[in-house]
PDB file of N, CA and C in Angstrom:
ATOM      1  N   MET A   1     -12.457  39.245   3.983  1.00  0.00           N
ATOM      2  CA  MET A   1     -12.843  39.632   5.319  1.00  0.00           C
ATOM      3  C   MET A   1     -12.557  41.125   5.498  1.00  0.00           C
ATOM      4  N   LYS A   2     -13.463  41.833   6.105  1.00  0.00           N
ATOM      5  CA  LYS A   2     -13.320  43.264   6.369  1.00  0.00           C
ATOM      6  C   LYS A   2     -12.920  43.474   7.829  1.00  0.00           C
ATOM      7  N   ILE A   3     -12.024  44.434   8.048  1.00  0.00           N
ATOM      8  CA  ILE A   3     -11.504  44.718   9.381  1.00  0.00           C
ATOM      9  C   ILE A   3     -11.902  46.138   9.777  1.00  0.00           C
ATOM     10  N   PRO A   4     -12.492  46.298  10.981  1.00  0.00           N
ATOM     11  CA  PRO A   4     -12.831  47.634  11.454  1.00  0.00           C
ATOM     12  C   PRO A   4     -11.557  48.429  11.749  1.00  0.00           C
ATOM     13  N   VAL A   5     -11.488  49.668  11.258  1.00  0.00           N
ATOM     14  CA  VAL A   5     -10.316  50.521  11.459  1.00  0.00           C
ATOM     15  C   VAL A   5     -10.753  51.933  11.814  1.00  0.00           C
ATOM     16  N   VAL A   6      -9.802  52.692  12.356  1.00  0.00           N
ATOM     17  CA  VAL A   6      -9.959  54.138  12.523  1.00  0.00           C
ATOM     18  C   VAL A   6      -8.891  54.762  11.644  1.00  0.00           C
ATOM     19  N   PHE A   7      -9.331  55.555  10.687  1.00  0.00           N
ATOM     20  CA  PHE A   7      -8.406  56.197   9.758  1.00  0.00           C
ATOM     21  C   PHE A   7      -7.690  57.360  10.441  1.00  0.00           C
ATOM     22  N   ALA A   8      -6.626  57.845   9.815  1.00  0.00           N
ATOM     23  CA  ALA A   8      -5.823  58.948  10.366  1.00  0.00           C
ATOM     24  C   ALA A   8      -6.649  60.212  10.575  1.00  0.00           C
ATOM     25  N   ASP A   9      -7.689  60.405   9.776  1.00  0.00           N
ATOM     26  CA  ASP A   9      -8.546  61.590   9.929  1.00  0.00           C
ATOM     27  C   ASP A   9      -9.712  61.338  10.904  1.00  0.00           C
ATOM     28  N   GLU A  10      -9.602  60.254  11.684  1.00  0.00           N
ATOM     29  CA  GLU A  10     -10.550  59.866  12.733  1.00  0.00           C
ATOM     30  C   GLU A  10     -11.869  59.289  12.238  1.00  0.00           C
ATOM     31  N   ARG A  11     -12.008  59.105  10.923  1.00  0.00           N
ATOM     32  CA  ARG A  11     -13.196  58.403  10.414  1.00  0.00           C
ATOM     33  C   ARG A  11     -13.073  56.926  10.768  1.00  0.00           C
ATOM     34  N   ARG A  12     -14.187  56.262  10.916  1.00  0.00           N
ATOM     35  CA  ARG A  12     -14.223  54.816  11.149  1.00  0.00           C
ATOM     36  C   ARG A  12     -14.708  54.142   9.883  1.00  0.00           C
ATOM     37  N   GLY A  13     -14.214  52.930   9.646  1.00  0.00           N
ATOM     38  CA  GLY A  13     -14.634  52.212   8.464  1.00  0.00           C
ATOM     39  C   GLY A  13     -14.160  50.777   8.471  1.00  0.00           C
ATOM     40  N   LEU A  14     -14.412  50.098   7.379  1.00  0.00           N
ATOM     41  CA  LEU A  14     -13.994  48.714   7.201  1.00  0.00           C
ATOM     42  C   LEU A  14     -13.061  48.645   6.000  1.00  0.00           C
ATOM     43  N   VAL A  15     -11.978  47.860   6.132  1.00  0.00           N
ATOM     44  CA  VAL A  15     -11.050  47.673   5.017  1.00  0.00           C
ATOM     45  C   VAL A  15     -10.828  46.185   4.797  1.00  0.00           C
ATOM     46  N   LYS A  16     -10.437  45.838   3.598  1.00  0.00           N
ATOM     47  CA  LYS A  16     -10.109  44.448   3.288  1.00  0.00           C
ATOM     48  C   LYS A  16      -8.845  44.053   4.036  1.00  0.00           C
ATOM     49  N   ALA A  17      -8.813  42.812   4.491  1.00  0.00           N
ATOM     50  CA  ALA A  17      -7.658  42.316   5.238  1.00  0.00           C
ATOM     51  C   ALA A  17      -6.368  42.478   4.443  1.00  0.00           C
ATOM     52  N   GLU A  18      -6.423  42.276   3.132  1.00  0.00           N
ATOM     53  CA  GLU A  18      -5.218  42.368   2.310  1.00  0.00           C
ATOM     54  C   GLU A  18      -4.727  43.810   2.156  1.00  0.00           C
ATOM     55  N   ASP A  19      -5.562  44.798   2.478  1.00  0.00           N
ATOM     56  CA  ASP A  19      -5.163  46.205   2.385  1.00  0.00           C
ATOM     57  C   ASP A  19      -4.617  46.753   3.706  1.00  0.00           C
ATOM     58  N   LEU A  20      -4.755  46.002   4.783  1.00  0.00           N
ATOM     59  CA  LEU A  20      -4.388  46.492   6.109  1.00  0.00           C
ATOM     60  C   LEU A  20      -2.907  46.848   6.214  1.00  0.00           C
ATOM     61  N   GLN A  21      -2.008  45.983   5.783  1.00  0.00           N
ATOM     62  CA  GLN A  21      -0.570  46.233   5.903  1.00  0.00           C
ATOM     63  C   GLN A  21      -0.153  47.519   5.184  1.00  0.00           C
ATOM     64  N   GLU A  22      -0.673  47.727   3.998  1.00  0.00           N
ATOM     65  CA  GLU A  22      -0.337  48.932   3.240  1.00  0.00           C
ATOM     66  C   GLU A  22      -0.821  50.187   3.965  1.00  0.00           C
ATOM     67  N   LEU A  23      -2.015  50.131   4.526  1.00  0.00           N
ATOM     68  CA  LEU A  23      -2.541  51.275   5.275  1.00  0.00           C
ATOM     69  C   LEU A  23      -1.702  51.566   6.515  1.00  0.00           C
ATOM     70  N   ILE A  24      -1.223  50.513   7.180  1.00  0.00           N
ATOM     71  CA  ILE A  24      -0.350  50.699   8.342  1.00  0.00           C
ATOM     72  C   ILE A  24       0.946  51.370   7.915  1.00  0.00           C
ATOM     73  N   GLU A  25       1.566  50.869   6.857  1.00  0.00           N
ATOM     74  CA  GLU A  25       2.840  51.410   6.375  1.00  0.00           C
ATOM     75  C   GLU A  25       2.713  52.854   5.910  1.00  0.00           C
ATOM     76  N   GLN A  26       1.578  53.218   5.351  1.00  0.00           N
ATOM     77  CA  GLN A  26       1.358  54.574   4.841  1.00  0.00           C
ATOM     78  C   GLN A  26       0.782  55.513   5.899  1.00  0.00           C
ATOM     79  N   ALA A  27       0.645  55.028   7.136  1.00  0.00           N
ATOM     80  CA  ALA A  27       0.055  55.802   8.236  1.00  0.00           C
ATOM     81  C   ALA A  27      -1.357  56.255   7.895  1.00  0.00           C
ATOM     82  N   GLY A  28      -2.069  55.414   7.173  1.00  0.00           N
ATOM     83  CA  GLY A  28      -3.440  55.721   6.797  1.00  0.00           C
ATOM     84  C   GLY A  28      -4.453  55.392   7.870  1.00  0.00           C
ATOM     85  N   ILE A  29      -4.046  54.567   8.849  1.00  0.00           N
ATOM     86  CA  ILE A  29      -4.942  54.228   9.958  1.00  0.00           C
ATOM     87  C   ILE A  29      -4.196  54.418  11.277  1.00  0.00           C
ATOM     88  N   VAL A  30      -4.952  54.647  12.340  1.00  0.00           N
ATOM     89  CA  VAL A  30      -4.356  54.804  13.664  1.00  0.00           C
ATOM     90  C   VAL A  30      -4.654  53.619  14.571  1.00  0.00           C
ATOM     91  N   SER A  31      -5.697  52.839  14.223  1.00  0.00           N
ATOM     92  CA  SER A  31      -6.005  51.644  15.003  1.00  0.00           C
ATOM     93  C   SER A  31      -6.876  50.703  14.189  1.00  0.00           C
ATOM     94  N   PHE A  32      -6.878  49.438  14.620  1.00  0.00           N
ATOM     95  CA  PHE A  32      -7.761  48.450  14.004  1.00  0.00           C
ATOM     96  C   PHE A  32      -8.146  47.416  15.037  1.00  0.00           C
ATOM     97  N   LEU A  33      -9.175  46.643  14.732  1.00  0.00           N
ATOM     98  CA  LEU A  33      -9.690  45.637  15.648  1.00  0.00           C
ATOM     99  C   LEU A  33      -9.268  44.262  15.158  1.00  0.00           C
ATOM    100  N   ARG A  34      -8.534  43.536  16.001  1.00  0.00           N
ATOM    101  CA  ARG A  34      -8.114  42.172  15.661  1.00  0.00           C
ATOM    102  C   ARG A  34      -9.314  41.231  15.732  1.00  0.00           C
ATOM    103  N   SER A  35      -9.163  40.074  15.109  1.00  0.00           N
ATOM    104  CA  SER A  35     -10.260  39.102  15.083  1.00  0.00           C
ATOM    105  C   SER A  35     -10.617  38.594  16.476  1.00  0.00           C
ATOM    106  N   ASP A  36      -9.672  38.681  17.435  1.00  0.00           N
ATOM    107  CA  ASP A  36      -9.968  38.249  18.805  1.00  0.00           C
ATOM    108  C   ASP A  36     -10.645  39.353  19.629  1.00  0.00           C
ATOM    109  N   GLY A  37     -10.938  40.498  18.985  1.00  0.00           N
ATOM    110  CA  GLY A  37     -11.615  41.593  19.649  1.00  0.00           C
ATOM    111  C   GLY A  37     -10.692  42.627  20.265  1.00  0.00           C
ATOM    112  N   GLU A  38      -9.382  42.399  20.183  1.00  0.00           N
ATOM    113  CA  GLU A  38      -8.412  43.335  20.753  1.00  0.00           C
ATOM    114  C   GLU A  38      -8.209  44.525  19.826  1.00  0.00           C
ATOM    115  N   CYS A  39      -8.239  45.724  20.398  1.00  0.00           N
ATOM    116  CA  CYS A  39      -7.999  46.939  19.635  1.00  0.00           C
ATOM    117  C   CYS A  39      -6.497  47.210  19.611  1.00  0.00           C
ATOM    118  N   VAL A  40      -5.941  47.446  18.426  1.00  0.00           N
ATOM    119  CA  VAL A  40      -4.514  47.686  18.253  1.00  0.00           C
ATOM    120  C   VAL A  40      -4.294  49.146  17.893  1.00  0.00           C
ATOM    121  N   GLN A  41      -3.475  49.833  18.668  1.00  0.00           N
ATOM    122  CA  GLN A  41      -3.099  51.217  18.404  1.00  0.00           C
ATOM    123  C   GLN A  41      -1.768  51.197  17.649  1.00  0.00           C
ATOM    124  N   ILE A  42      -1.751  51.703  16.424  1.00  0.00           N
ATOM    125  CA  ILE A  42      -0.541  51.725  15.613  1.00  0.00           C
ATOM    126  C   ILE A  42       0.485  52.637  16.290  1.00  0.00           C
ATOM    127  N   GLY A  43       1.716  52.151  16.401  1.00  0.00           N
ATOM    128  CA  GLY A  43       2.771  52.916  17.034  1.00  0.00           C
ATOM    129  C   GLY A  43       2.906  52.653  18.524  1.00  0.00           C
ATOM    130  N   THR A  44       1.901  51.992  19.100  1.00  0.00           N
ATOM    131  CA  THR A  44       1.924  51.681  20.528  1.00  0.00           C
ATOM    132  C   THR A  44       1.941  50.177  20.759  1.00  0.00           C
ATOM    133  N   ASP A  45       1.026  49.466  20.119  1.00  0.00           N
ATOM    134  CA  ASP A  45       0.897  48.025  20.289  1.00  0.00           C
ATOM    135  C   ASP A  45       1.714  47.277  19.237  1.00  0.00           C
ATOM    136  N   ALA A  46       2.023  46.031  19.541  1.00  0.00           N
ATOM    137  CA  ALA A  46       2.769  45.186  18.615  1.00  0.00           C
ATOM    138  C   ALA A  46       1.927  44.864  17.393  1.00  0.00           C
ATOM    139  N   VAL A  47       2.541  45.028  16.238  1.00  0.00           N
ATOM    140  CA  VAL A  47       1.894  44.709  14.971  1.00  0.00           C
ATOM    141  C   VAL A  47       2.817  43.772  14.211  1.00  0.00           C
ATOM    142  N   ARG A  48       2.274  42.703  13.679  1.00  0.00           N
ATOM    143  CA  ARG A  48       3.078  41.721  12.962  1.00  0.00           C
ATOM    144  C   ARG A  48       3.924  42.400  11.890  1.00  0.00           C
ATOM    145  N   GLY A  49       5.200  42.025  11.835  1.00  0.00           N
ATOM    146  CA  GLY A  49       6.103  42.544  10.823  1.00  0.00           C
ATOM    147  C   GLY A  49       6.752  43.868  11.171  1.00  0.00           C
ATOM    148  N   MET A  50       6.415  44.439  12.333  1.00  0.00           N
ATOM    149  CA  MET A  50       6.977  45.735  12.698  1.00  0.00           C
ATOM    150  C   MET A  50       8.115  45.620  13.711  1.00  0.00           C
ATOM    151  N   GLY A  51       8.368  44.452  14.216  1.00  0.00           N
ATOM    152  CA  GLY A  51       9.400  44.313  15.243  1.00  0.00           C
ATOM    153  C   GLY A  51      10.662  43.661  14.713  1.00  0.00           C
ATOM    154  N   GLY A  52      11.589  43.383  15.628  1.00  0.00           N
ATOM    155  CA  GLY A  52      12.785  42.641  15.288  1.00  0.00           C
ATOM    156  C   GLY A  52      13.889  43.434  14.622  1.00  0.00           C
ATOM    157  N   LYS A  53      13.759  44.718  14.498  1.00  0.00           N
ATOM    158  CA  LYS A  53      14.777  45.502  13.803  1.00  0.00           C
ATOM    159  C   LYS A  53      16.103  45.537  14.551  1.00  0.00           C
ATOM    160  N   ASN A  54      16.071  45.386  15.860  1.00  0.00           N
ATOM    161  CA  ASN A  54      17.286  45.457  16.659  1.00  0.00           C
ATOM    162  C   ASN A  54      17.877  44.087  16.974  1.00  0.00           C
ATOM    163  N   TYR A  55      17.255  43.032  16.526  1.00  0.00           N
ATOM    164  CA  TYR A  55      17.730  41.685  16.816  1.00  0.00           C
ATOM    165  C   TYR A  55      19.015  41.410  16.057  1.00  0.00           C
ATOM    166  N   ARG A  56      20.052  40.964  16.775  1.00  0.00           N
ATOM    167  CA  ARG A  56      21.359  40.715  16.170  1.00  0.00           C
ATOM    168  C   ARG A  56      21.741  39.234  16.166  1.00  0.00           C
ATOM    169  N   GLY A  57      20.840  38.379  16.615  1.00  0.00           N
ATOM    170  CA  GLY A  57      21.140  36.948  16.697  1.00  0.00           C
ATOM    171  C   GLY A  57      20.939  36.245  15.369  1.00  0.00           C
ATOM    172  N   PRO A  58      21.086  34.922  15.379  1.00  0.00           N
ATOM    173  CA  PRO A  58      20.932  34.148  14.143  1.00  0.00           C
ATOM    174  C   PRO A  58      19.480  34.100  13.676  1.00  0.00           C
ATOM    175  N   GLU A  59      19.281  34.001  12.385  1.00  0.00           N
ATOM    176  CA  GLU A  59      17.942  33.864  11.811  1.00  0.00           C
ATOM    177  C   GLU A  59      17.413  32.485  12.172  1.00  0.00           C
ATOM    178  N   ARG A  60      16.251  32.419  12.806  1.00  0.00           N
ATOM    179  CA  ARG A  60      15.682  31.137  13.217  1.00  0.00           C
ATOM    180  C   ARG A  60      14.426  30.780  12.457  1.00  0.00           C
ATOM    181  N   ARG A  61      13.845  31.734  11.757  1.00  0.00           N
ATOM    182  CA  ARG A  61      12.606  31.457  11.045  1.00  0.00           C
ATOM    183  C   ARG A  61      12.903  30.675   9.778  1.00  0.00           C
ATOM    184  N   GLY A  62      12.025  29.786   9.428  1.00  0.00           N
ATOM    185  CA  GLY A  62      12.153  29.048   8.173  1.00  0.00           C
ATOM    186  C   GLY A  62      13.144  27.903   8.213  1.00  0.00           C
ATOM    187  N   ASN A  63      13.691  27.592   9.380  1.00  0.00           N
ATOM    188  CA  ASN A  63      14.677  26.527   9.476  1.00  0.00           C
ATOM    189  C   ASN A  63      14.076  25.202   9.937  1.00  0.00           C
ATOM    190  N   VAL A  64      12.789  25.133  10.068  1.00  0.00           N
ATOM    191  CA  VAL A  64      12.126  23.933  10.569  1.00  0.00           C
ATOM    192  C   VAL A  64      11.553  23.164   9.381  1.00  0.00           C
ATOM    193  N   LEU A  65      11.851  21.877   9.331  1.00  0.00           N
ATOM    194  CA  LEU A  65      11.316  21.021   8.269  1.00  0.00           C
ATOM    195  C   LEU A  65      10.163  20.217   8.829  1.00  0.00           C
ATOM    196  N   PHE A  66       9.044  20.220   8.134  1.00  0.00           N
ATOM    197  CA  PHE A  66       7.886  19.441   8.540  1.00  0.00           C
ATOM    198  C   PHE A  66       7.728  18.291   7.558  1.00  0.00           C
ATOM    199  N   CYS A  67       7.627  17.073   8.095  1.00  0.00           N
ATOM    200  CA  CYS A  67       7.485  15.891   7.237  1.00  0.00           C
ATOM    201  C   CYS A  67       6.078  15.359   7.278  1.00  0.00           C
TER     202      CYS A  67
END
């Protein structure tokens, strides 16, 4: 699946979904369009995997067993 993005040099283009995280981490893009049509501004809007750095509570993820 290709995702519409705006690169750091203001060009627009499409990138593979699997390349999106690396481009975000390398500051290669400034925004992208989510599948629900929402435009995400890097550094302003919430992006999966970018939060939780200040959380000091117990780890809750991965503790649920599904039978």
